[in-house]
Amino acid sequence: MLKRTLAALAVALFVAPLTFGSASAQDAKTKKDLQSVILLQGLPCGSVKSYEKKGENDYIATCENGKRYHVFVDQGRVQVVAQ
């Protein structure tokens, strides 16, 4: 079940930039998707305050608690690494 949930979130996180809509709505969706992925990994975050897109399927997320996480896809799996 957890693998399916992570896979679904990964798809949502990385397909989201392809959807059309306002930039601010897309920004809020990406923040929420990053937050969900981080929390599903059991890492403390609260909410994602900002993020930086490093490349395709590659983000640096900054949480409200000051922690930063590198969220990316490696060999088809979502990885979250504390910075």
C-alpha atoms as a PDB file:
ATOM      1  CA  MET A   1       0.000   0.000   0.000  1.00  0.00           C
ATOM      2  CA  LEU A   2       2.782   2.459   0.893  1.00  0.00           C
ATOM      3  CA  LYS A   3       4.580   1.718  -2.385  1.00  0.00           C
ATOM      4  CA  ARG A   4       1.393   2.469  -4.344  1.00  0.00           C
ATOM      5  CA  THR A   5       0.850   5.678  -2.410  1.00  0.00           C
ATOM      6  CA  LEU A   6       4.433   6.812  -3.010  1.00  0.00           C
ATOM      7  CA  ALA A   7       4.143   5.906  -6.688  1.00  0.00           C
ATOM      8  CA  ALA A   8       0.912   7.901  -6.996  1.00  0.00           C
ATOM      9  CA  LEU A   9       2.483  10.893  -5.270  1.00  0.00           C
ATOM     10  CA  ALA A  10       5.542  10.647  -7.473  1.00  0.00           C
ATOM     11  CA  VAL A  11       3.364  10.744 -10.547  1.00  0.00           C
ATOM     12  CA  ALA A  12       1.391  13.692  -9.163  1.00  0.00           C
ATOM     13  CA  LEU A  13       4.559  15.541  -8.191  1.00  0.00           C
ATOM     14  CA  PHE A  14       6.267  15.203 -11.529  1.00  0.00           C
ATOM     15  CA  VAL A  15       3.284  15.373 -13.869  1.00  0.00           C
ATOM     16  CA  ALA A  16       1.919  18.467 -12.143  1.00  0.00           C
ATOM     17  CA  PRO A  17       4.238  20.875 -14.008  1.00  0.00           C
ATOM     18  CA  LEU A  18       2.689  19.654 -17.264  1.00  0.00           C
ATOM     19  CA  THR A  19      -0.829  20.735 -16.330  1.00  0.00           C
ATOM     20  CA  PHE A  20      -2.066  24.100 -17.431  1.00  0.00           C
ATOM     21  CA  GLY A  21      -3.194  26.751 -14.965  1.00  0.00           C
ATOM     22  CA  SER A  22      -2.001  29.809 -13.173  1.00  0.00           C
ATOM     23  CA  ALA A  23       1.565  29.908 -11.950  1.00  0.00           C
ATOM     24  CA  SER A  24       0.531  30.540  -8.352  1.00  0.00           C
ATOM     25  CA  ALA A  25      -1.904  27.607  -8.364  1.00  0.00           C
ATOM     26  CA  GLN A  26       0.810  25.385  -9.820  1.00  0.00           C
ATOM     27  CA  ASP A  27       3.287  26.624  -7.206  1.00  0.00           C
ATOM     28  CA  ALA A  28       0.862  25.774  -4.386  1.00  0.00           C
ATOM     29  CA  LYS A  29       0.234  22.307  -5.865  1.00  0.00           C
ATOM     30  CA  THR A  30       3.947  21.566  -6.176  1.00  0.00           C
ATOM     31  CA  LYS A  31       4.547  22.678  -2.569  1.00  0.00           C
ATOM     32  CA  LYS A  32       1.724  20.433  -1.355  1.00  0.00           C
ATOM     33  CA  ASP A  33       3.032  17.466  -3.378  1.00  0.00           C
ATOM     34  CA  LEU A  34       6.560  17.933  -2.017  1.00  0.00           C
ATOM     35  CA  GLN A  35       5.184  18.198   1.517  1.00  0.00           C
ATOM     36  CA  SER A  36       3.253  14.944   1.081  1.00  0.00           C
ATOM     37  CA  VAL A  37       6.270  13.060  -0.236  1.00  0.00           C
ATOM     38  CA  ILE A  38       8.480  14.308   2.617  1.00  0.00           C
ATOM     39  CA  LEU A  39       5.915  13.457   5.295  1.00  0.00           C
ATOM     40  CA  LEU A  40       5.307   9.978   3.836  1.00  0.00           C
ATOM     41  CA  GLN A  41       9.025   9.334   4.303  1.00  0.00           C
ATOM     42  CA  GLY A  42       8.525  10.073   8.005  1.00  0.00           C
ATOM     43  CA  LEU A  43      10.624  13.226   7.946  1.00  0.00           C
ATOM     44  CA  PRO A  44       9.697  16.376   9.886  1.00  0.00           C
ATOM     45  CA  CYS A  45       8.606  19.293   7.755  1.00  0.00           C
ATOM     46  CA  GLY A  46       5.277  20.897   8.598  1.00  0.00           C
ATOM     47  CA  SER A  47       4.599  22.660   5.323  1.00  0.00           C
ATOM     48  CA  VAL A  48       6.882  23.447   2.399  1.00  0.00           C
ATOM     49  CA  LYS A  49       7.510  27.193   2.341  1.00  0.00           C
ATOM     50  CA  SER A  50       9.589  27.281  -0.838  1.00  0.00           C
ATOM     51  CA  TYR A  51      11.262  25.038  -3.362  1.00  0.00           C
ATOM     52  CA  GLU A  52      13.857  25.244  -6.071  1.00  0.00           C
ATOM     53  CA  LYS A  53      13.573  23.146  -9.197  1.00  0.00           C
ATOM     54  CA  LYS A  54      17.020  21.733 -10.000  1.00  0.00           C
ATOM     55  CA  GLY A  55      15.986  19.711 -13.038  1.00  0.00           C
ATOM     56  CA  GLU A  56      13.353  17.333 -14.268  1.00  0.00           C
ATOM     57  CA  ASN A  57      12.002  15.419 -11.252  1.00  0.00           C
ATOM     58  CA  ASP A  58      14.560  17.114  -9.003  1.00  0.00           C
ATOM     59  CA  TYR A  59      13.709  19.650  -6.270  1.00  0.00           C
ATOM     60  CA  ILE A  60      15.160  21.236  -3.136  1.00  0.00           C
ATOM     61  CA  ALA A  61      12.324  21.899  -0.679  1.00  0.00           C
ATOM     62  CA  THR A  62      12.569  24.226   2.325  1.00  0.00           C
ATOM     63  CA  CYS A  63      10.138  23.503   5.153  1.00  0.00           C
ATOM     64  CA  GLU A  64       8.595  25.873   7.675  1.00  0.00           C
ATOM     65  CA  ASN A  65      10.791  24.313  10.390  1.00  0.00           C
ATOM     66  CA  GLY A  66      13.916  25.362   8.446  1.00  0.00           C
ATOM     67  CA  LYS A  67      14.846  21.884   7.256  1.00  0.00           C
ATOM     68  CA  ARG A  68      15.769  21.367   3.602  1.00  0.00           C
ATOM     69  CA  TYR A  69      15.252  18.203   1.586  1.00  0.00           C
ATOM     70  CA  HIS A  70      16.416  17.055  -1.820  1.00  0.00           C
ATOM     71  CA  VAL A  71      13.448  15.306  -3.471  1.00  0.00           C
ATOM     72  CA  PHE A  72      14.199  13.449  -6.690  1.00  0.00           C
ATOM     73  CA  VAL A  73      13.499  10.298  -8.672  1.00  0.00           C
ATOM     74  CA  ASP A  74      16.249   7.688  -8.949  1.00  0.00           C
ATOM     75  CA  GLN A  75      15.643   4.487 -10.899  1.00  0.00           C
ATOM     76  CA  GLY A  76      11.894   5.051 -10.807  1.00  0.00           C
ATOM     77  CA  ARG A  77      11.714   5.619  -7.039  1.00  0.00           C
ATOM     78  CA  VAL A  78      11.174   8.862  -5.168  1.00  0.00           C
ATOM     79  CA  GLN A  79      14.100   9.681  -2.904  1.00  0.00           C
ATOM     80  CA  VAL A  80      14.150  12.269  -0.118  1.00  0.00           C
ATOM     81  CA  VAL A  81      17.515  13.249   1.342  1.00  0.00           C
ATOM     82  CA  ALA A  82      18.013  15.771   4.161  1.00  0.00           C
ATOM     83  CA  GLN A  83      20.328  18.644   3.212  1.00  0.00           C
END
